[in-house]
Amino acid sequence: MNIGRMGDIVVGAAGNAAGAVVDPRGGLTQLRSALTGRLLASVAVGLVIGYVVARSARRN
């Protein structure tokens, strides 16, 4: 991912979230079309890493 485009991605995500509030059916359709295998894998890995870090921090 290009770090220089991060601002564009954040603004686009905020716009998509606002659009989903206004039109839930259209927002859900757009979300479904945006999901890719790579994105799902990235989110899953992020959740697992976050869980492991939080669990280890809780034990200490």
PDB file of N, CA and C in Angstrom:
ATOM      1  N   MET A   1       0.842  -1.177   0.000  1.00  0.00           N
ATOM      2  CA  MET A   1       0.000   0.000   0.000  1.00  0.00           C
ATOM      3  C   MET A   1       0.884   1.236   0.000  1.00  0.00           C
ATOM      4  N   ASN A   2       0.531   2.178  -0.805  1.00  0.00           N
ATOM      5  CA  ASN A   2       1.276   3.421  -0.912  1.00  0.00           C
ATOM      6  C   ASN A   2       0.892   4.340   0.247  1.00  0.00           C
ATOM      7  N   ILE A   3       1.868   4.709   1.076  1.00  0.00           N
ATOM      8  CA  ILE A   3       1.599   5.542   2.255  1.00  0.00           C
ATOM      9  C   ILE A   3       1.123   6.932   1.839  1.00  0.00           C
ATOM     10  N   GLY A   4       1.545   7.429   0.700  1.00  0.00           N
ATOM     11  CA  GLY A   4       1.135   8.744   0.234  1.00  0.00           C
ATOM     12  C   GLY A   4      -0.356   8.834  -0.066  1.00  0.00           C
ATOM     13  N   ARG A   5      -0.989   7.718  -0.339  1.00  0.00           N
ATOM     14  CA  ARG A   5      -2.426   7.685  -0.634  1.00  0.00           C
ATOM     15  C   ARG A   5      -3.269   7.437   0.595  1.00  0.00           C
ATOM     16  N   MET A   6      -2.661   7.340   1.787  1.00  0.00           N
ATOM     17  CA  MET A   6      -3.402   6.996   2.994  1.00  0.00           C
ATOM     18  C   MET A   6      -4.507   8.012   3.290  1.00  0.00           C
ATOM     19  N   GLY A   7      -4.236   9.302   3.063  1.00  0.00           N
ATOM     20  CA  GLY A   7      -5.252  10.320   3.292  1.00  0.00           C
ATOM     21  C   GLY A   7      -6.456  10.127   2.387  1.00  0.00           C
ATOM     22  N   ASP A   8      -6.200   9.784   1.132  1.00  0.00           N
ATOM     23  CA  ASP A   8      -7.303   9.533   0.195  1.00  0.00           C
ATOM     24  C   ASP A   8      -8.136   8.335   0.634  1.00  0.00           C
ATOM     25  N   ILE A   9      -7.471   7.325   1.137  1.00  0.00           N
ATOM     26  CA  ILE A   9      -8.180   6.127   1.579  1.00  0.00           C
ATOM     27  C   ILE A   9      -9.050   6.432   2.787  1.00  0.00           C
ATOM     28  N   VAL A  10      -8.516   7.215   3.735  1.00  0.00           N
ATOM     29  CA  VAL A  10      -9.279   7.561   4.938  1.00  0.00           C
ATOM     30  C   VAL A  10     -10.494   8.407   4.580  1.00  0.00           C
ATOM     31  N   VAL A  11     -10.307   9.390   3.704  1.00  0.00           N
ATOM     32  CA  VAL A  11     -11.424  10.239   3.291  1.00  0.00           C
ATOM     33  C   VAL A  11     -12.466   9.417   2.539  1.00  0.00           C
ATOM     34  N   GLY A  12     -12.026   8.522   1.693  1.00  0.00           N
ATOM     35  CA  GLY A  12     -12.962   7.655   0.978  1.00  0.00           C
ATOM     36  C   GLY A  12     -13.747   6.756   1.915  1.00  0.00           C
ATOM     37  N   ALA A  13     -13.075   6.219   2.924  1.00  0.00           N
ATOM     38  CA  ALA A  13     -13.761   5.356   3.893  1.00  0.00           C
ATOM     39  C   ALA A  13     -14.784   6.151   4.698  1.00  0.00           C
ATOM     40  N   ALA A  14     -14.427   7.384   5.082  1.00  0.00           N
ATOM     41  CA  ALA A  14     -15.377   8.227   5.819  1.00  0.00           C
ATOM     42  C   ALA A  14     -16.581   8.560   4.953  1.00  0.00           C
ATOM     43  N   GLY A  15     -16.350   8.835   3.684  1.00  0.00           N
ATOM     44  CA  GLY A  15     -17.457   9.108   2.770  1.00  0.00           C
ATOM     45  C   GLY A  15     -18.353   7.896   2.579  1.00  0.00           C
ATOM     46  N   ASN A  16     -17.753   6.731   2.477  1.00  0.00           N
ATOM     47  CA  ASN A  16     -18.537   5.501   2.338  1.00  0.00           C
ATOM     48  C   ASN A  16     -19.367   5.235   3.584  1.00  0.00           C
ATOM     49  N   ALA A  17     -18.801   5.495   4.763  1.00  0.00           N
ATOM     50  CA  ALA A  17     -19.546   5.302   6.007  1.00  0.00           C
ATOM     51  C   ALA A  17     -20.719   6.268   6.085  1.00  0.00           C
ATOM     52  N   ALA A  18     -20.494   7.520   5.700  1.00  0.00           N
ATOM     53  CA  ALA A  18     -21.582   8.500   5.707  1.00  0.00           C
ATOM     54  C   ALA A  18     -22.658   8.111   4.700  1.00  0.00           C
ATOM     55  N   GLY A  19     -22.262   7.623   3.556  1.00  0.00           N
ATOM     56  CA  GLY A  19     -23.226   7.169   2.556  1.00  0.00           C
ATOM     57  C   GLY A  19     -24.016   5.969   3.031  1.00  0.00           C
ATOM     58  N   ALA A  20     -23.384   5.089   3.794  1.00  0.00           N
ATOM     59  CA  ALA A  20     -24.079   3.915   4.318  1.00  0.00           C
ATOM     60  C   ALA A  20     -25.123   4.319   5.351  1.00  0.00           C
ATOM     61  N   VAL A  21     -24.885   5.401   6.083  1.00  0.00           N
ATOM     62  CA  VAL A  21     -25.868   5.876   7.060  1.00  0.00           C
ATOM     63  C   VAL A  21     -27.088   6.418   6.324  1.00  0.00           C
ATOM     64  N   VAL A  22     -26.857   7.161   5.254  1.00  0.00           N
ATOM     65  CA  VAL A  22     -27.952   7.758   4.495  1.00  0.00           C
ATOM     66  C   VAL A  22     -28.727   6.695   3.721  1.00  0.00           C
ATOM     67  N   ASP A  23     -28.025   5.774   3.072  1.00  0.00           N
ATOM     68  CA  ASP A  23     -28.651   4.730   2.255  1.00  0.00           C
ATOM     69  C   ASP A  23     -28.069   3.380   2.654  1.00  0.00           C
ATOM     70  N   PRO A  24     -28.643   2.727   3.677  1.00  0.00           N
ATOM     71  CA  PRO A  24     -28.055   1.466   4.166  1.00  0.00           C
ATOM     72  C   PRO A  24     -27.969   0.373   3.107  1.00  0.00           C
ATOM     73  N   ARG A  25     -28.968   0.250   2.261  1.00  0.00           N
ATOM     74  CA  ARG A  25     -28.938  -0.813   1.254  1.00  0.00           C
ATOM     75  C   ARG A  25     -27.819  -0.575   0.246  1.00  0.00           C
ATOM     76  N   GLY A  26     -27.685   0.656  -0.216  1.00  0.00           N
ATOM     77  CA  GLY A  26     -26.608   0.992  -1.155  1.00  0.00           C
ATOM     78  C   GLY A  26     -25.240   0.862  -0.503  1.00  0.00           C
ATOM     79  N   GLY A  27     -25.139   1.243   0.768  1.00  0.00           N
ATOM     80  CA  GLY A  27     -23.875   1.129   1.488  1.00  0.00           C
ATOM     81  C   GLY A  27     -23.448  -0.311   1.658  1.00  0.00           C
ATOM     82  N   LEU A  28     -24.414  -1.175   1.941  1.00  0.00           N
ATOM     83  CA  LEU A  28     -24.104  -2.599   2.098  1.00  0.00           C
ATOM     84  C   LEU A  28     -23.659  -3.204   0.769  1.00  0.00           C
ATOM     85  N   THR A  29     -24.309  -2.800  -0.295  1.00  0.00           N
ATOM     86  CA  THR A  29     -23.915  -3.290  -1.623  1.00  0.00           C
ATOM     87  C   THR A  29     -22.502  -2.839  -1.973  1.00  0.00           C
ATOM     88  N   GLN A  30     -22.191  -1.587  -1.667  1.00  0.00           N
ATOM     89  CA  GLN A  30     -20.853  -1.059  -1.960  1.00  0.00           C
ATOM     90  C   GLN A  30     -19.802  -1.751  -1.093  1.00  0.00           C
ATOM     91  N   LEU A  31     -20.134  -2.009   0.164  1.00  0.00           N
ATOM     92  CA  LEU A  31     -19.200  -2.702   1.058  1.00  0.00           C
ATOM     93  C   LEU A  31     -18.931  -4.111   0.549  1.00  0.00           C
ATOM     94  N   ARG A  32     -19.970  -4.795   0.131  1.00  0.00           N
ATOM     95  CA  ARG A  32     -19.814  -6.157  -0.377  1.00  0.00           C
ATOM     96  C   ARG A  32     -18.932  -6.188  -1.617  1.00  0.00           C
ATOM     97  N   SER A  33     -19.070  -5.195  -2.480  1.00  0.00           N
ATOM     98  CA  SER A  33     -18.265  -5.180  -3.696  1.00  0.00           C
ATOM     99  C   SER A  33     -16.815  -4.787  -3.413  1.00  0.00           C
ATOM    100  N   ALA A  34     -16.569  -4.061  -2.316  1.00  0.00           N
ATOM    101  CA  ALA A  34     -15.210  -3.622  -1.994  1.00  0.00           C
ATOM    102  C   ALA A  34     -14.396  -4.707  -1.295  1.00  0.00           C
ATOM    103  N   LEU A  35     -15.066  -5.681  -0.713  1.00  0.00           N
ATOM    104  CA  LEU A  35     -14.355  -6.720   0.015  1.00  0.00           C
ATOM    105  C   LEU A  35     -13.637  -7.649  -0.955  1.00  0.00           C
ATOM    106  N   THR A  36     -12.366  -7.837  -0.710  1.00  0.00           N
ATOM    107  CA  THR A  36     -11.564  -8.763  -1.506  1.00  0.00           C
ATOM    108  C   THR A  36     -10.900  -9.753  -0.564  1.00  0.00           C
ATOM    109  N   GLY A  37     -10.382 -10.798  -1.133  1.00  0.00           N
ATOM    110  CA  GLY A  37      -9.701 -11.797  -0.317  1.00  0.00           C
ATOM    111  C   GLY A  37      -8.500 -11.224   0.422  1.00  0.00           C
ATOM    112  N   ARG A  38      -7.766 -10.354  -0.258  1.00  0.00           N
ATOM    113  CA  ARG A  38      -6.583  -9.749   0.361  1.00  0.00           C
ATOM    114  C   ARG A  38      -6.981  -8.855   1.532  1.00  0.00           C
ATOM    115  N   LEU A  39      -8.058  -8.086   1.365  1.00  0.00           N
ATOM    116  CA  LEU A  39      -8.526  -7.211   2.439  1.00  0.00           C
ATOM    117  C   LEU A  39      -9.006  -8.027   3.630  1.00  0.00           C
ATOM    118  N   LEU A  40      -9.767  -9.073   3.372  1.00  0.00           N
ATOM    119  CA  LEU A  40     -10.253  -9.917   4.459  1.00  0.00           C
ATOM    120  C   LEU A  40      -9.103 -10.582   5.206  1.00  0.00           C
ATOM    121  N   ALA A  41      -8.099 -11.038   4.475  1.00  0.00           N
ATOM    122  CA  ALA A  41      -6.943 -11.663   5.116  1.00  0.00           C
ATOM    123  C   ALA A  41      -6.187 -10.648   5.955  1.00  0.00           C
ATOM    124  N   SER A  42      -6.049  -9.416   5.468  1.00  0.00           N
ATOM    125  CA  SER A  42      -5.357  -8.375   6.221  1.00  0.00           C
ATOM    126  C   SER A  42      -6.092  -8.046   7.513  1.00  0.00           C
ATOM    127  N   VAL A  43      -7.408  -7.946   7.426  1.00  0.00           N
ATOM    128  CA  VAL A  43      -8.208  -7.656   8.621  1.00  0.00           C
ATOM    129  C   VAL A  43      -8.103  -8.804   9.620  1.00  0.00           C
ATOM    130  N   ALA A  44      -8.171 -10.035   9.142  1.00  0.00           N
ATOM    131  CA  ALA A  44      -8.080 -11.189  10.028  1.00  0.00           C
ATOM    132  C   ALA A  44      -6.726 -11.240  10.735  1.00  0.00           C
ATOM    133  N   VAL A  45      -5.660 -11.003   9.995  1.00  0.00           N
ATOM    134  CA  VAL A  45      -4.315 -11.004  10.596  1.00  0.00           C
ATOM    135  C   VAL A  45      -4.197  -9.878  11.617  1.00  0.00           C
ATOM    136  N   GLY A  46      -4.737  -8.718  11.299  1.00  0.00           N
ATOM    137  CA  GLY A  46      -4.706  -7.592  12.236  1.00  0.00           C
ATOM    138  C   GLY A  46      -5.458  -7.894  13.525  1.00  0.00           C
ATOM    139  N   LEU A  47      -6.611  -8.543  13.403  1.00  0.00           N
ATOM    140  CA  LEU A  47      -7.382  -8.907  14.592  1.00  0.00           C
ATOM    141  C   LEU A  47      -6.633  -9.916  15.463  1.00  0.00           C
ATOM    142  N   VAL A  48      -6.006 -10.900  14.822  1.00  0.00           N
ATOM    143  CA  VAL A  48      -5.252 -11.909  15.580  1.00  0.00           C
ATOM    144  C   VAL A  48      -4.065 -11.266  16.289  1.00  0.00           C
ATOM    145  N   ILE A  49      -3.338 -10.408  15.598  1.00  0.00           N
ATOM    146  CA  ILE A  49      -2.190  -9.740  16.217  1.00  0.00           C
ATOM    147  C   ILE A  49      -2.648  -8.848  17.365  1.00  0.00           C
ATOM    148  N   GLY A  50      -3.727  -8.103  17.164  1.00  0.00           N
ATOM    149  CA  GLY A  50      -4.259  -7.261  18.232  1.00  0.00           C
ATOM    150  C   GLY A  50      -4.682  -8.073  19.441  1.00  0.00           C
ATOM    151  N   TYR A  51      -5.304  -9.221  19.214  1.00  0.00           N
ATOM    152  CA  TYR A  51      -5.719 -10.092  20.308  1.00  0.00           C
ATOM    153  C   TYR A  51      -4.520 -10.600  21.095  1.00  0.00           C
ATOM    154  N   VAL A  52      -3.497 -11.052  20.379  1.00  0.00           N
ATOM    155  CA  VAL A  52      -2.302 -11.583  21.050  1.00  0.00           C
ATOM    156  C   VAL A  52      -1.603 -10.494  21.855  1.00  0.00           C
ATOM    157  N   VAL A  53      -1.476  -9.303  21.289  1.00  0.00           N
ATOM    158  CA  VAL A  53      -0.825  -8.205  21.998  1.00  0.00           C
ATOM    159  C   VAL A  53      -1.628  -7.810  23.229  1.00  0.00           C
ATOM    160  N   ALA A  54      -2.937  -7.699  23.101  1.00  0.00           N
ATOM    161  CA  ALA A  54      -3.768  -7.310  24.237  1.00  0.00           C
ATOM    162  C   ALA A  54      -3.750  -8.383  25.325  1.00  0.00           C
ATOM    163  N   ARG A  55      -3.737  -9.625  24.920  1.00  0.00           N
ATOM    164  CA  ARG A  55      -3.722 -10.710  25.904  1.00  0.00           C
ATOM    165  C   ARG A  55      -2.385 -10.749  26.660  1.00  0.00           C
ATOM    166  N   SER A  56      -1.302 -10.532  25.947  1.00  0.00           N
ATOM    167  CA  SER A  56       0.008 -10.544  26.625  1.00  0.00           C
ATOM    168  C   SER A  56       0.158  -9.330  27.525  1.00  0.00           C
ATOM    169  N   ALA A  57      -0.402  -8.190  27.128  1.00  0.00           N
ATOM    170  CA  ALA A  57      -0.321  -6.989  27.964  1.00  0.00           C
ATOM    171  C   ALA A  57      -1.185  -7.166  29.217  1.00  0.00           C
ATOM    172  N   ARG A  58      -2.263  -7.892  29.100  1.00  0.00           N
ATOM    173  CA  ARG A  58      -3.153  -8.102  30.235  1.00  0.00           C
ATOM    174  C   ARG A  58      -2.506  -8.999  31.285  1.00  0.00           C
ATOM    175  N   ARG A  59      -1.701  -9.950  30.850  1.00  0.00           N
ATOM    176  CA  ARG A  59      -1.061 -10.887  31.780  1.00  0.00           C
ATOM    177  C   ARG A  59       0.045 -10.222  32.589  1.00  0.00           C
ATOM    178  N   ASN A  60       0.668  -9.196  32.046  1.00  0.00           N
ATOM    179  CA  ASN A  60       1.788  -8.549  32.749  1.00  0.00           C
ATOM    180  C   ASN A  60       1.320  -7.547  33.736  1.00  0.00           C
TER     181      ASN A  60
END
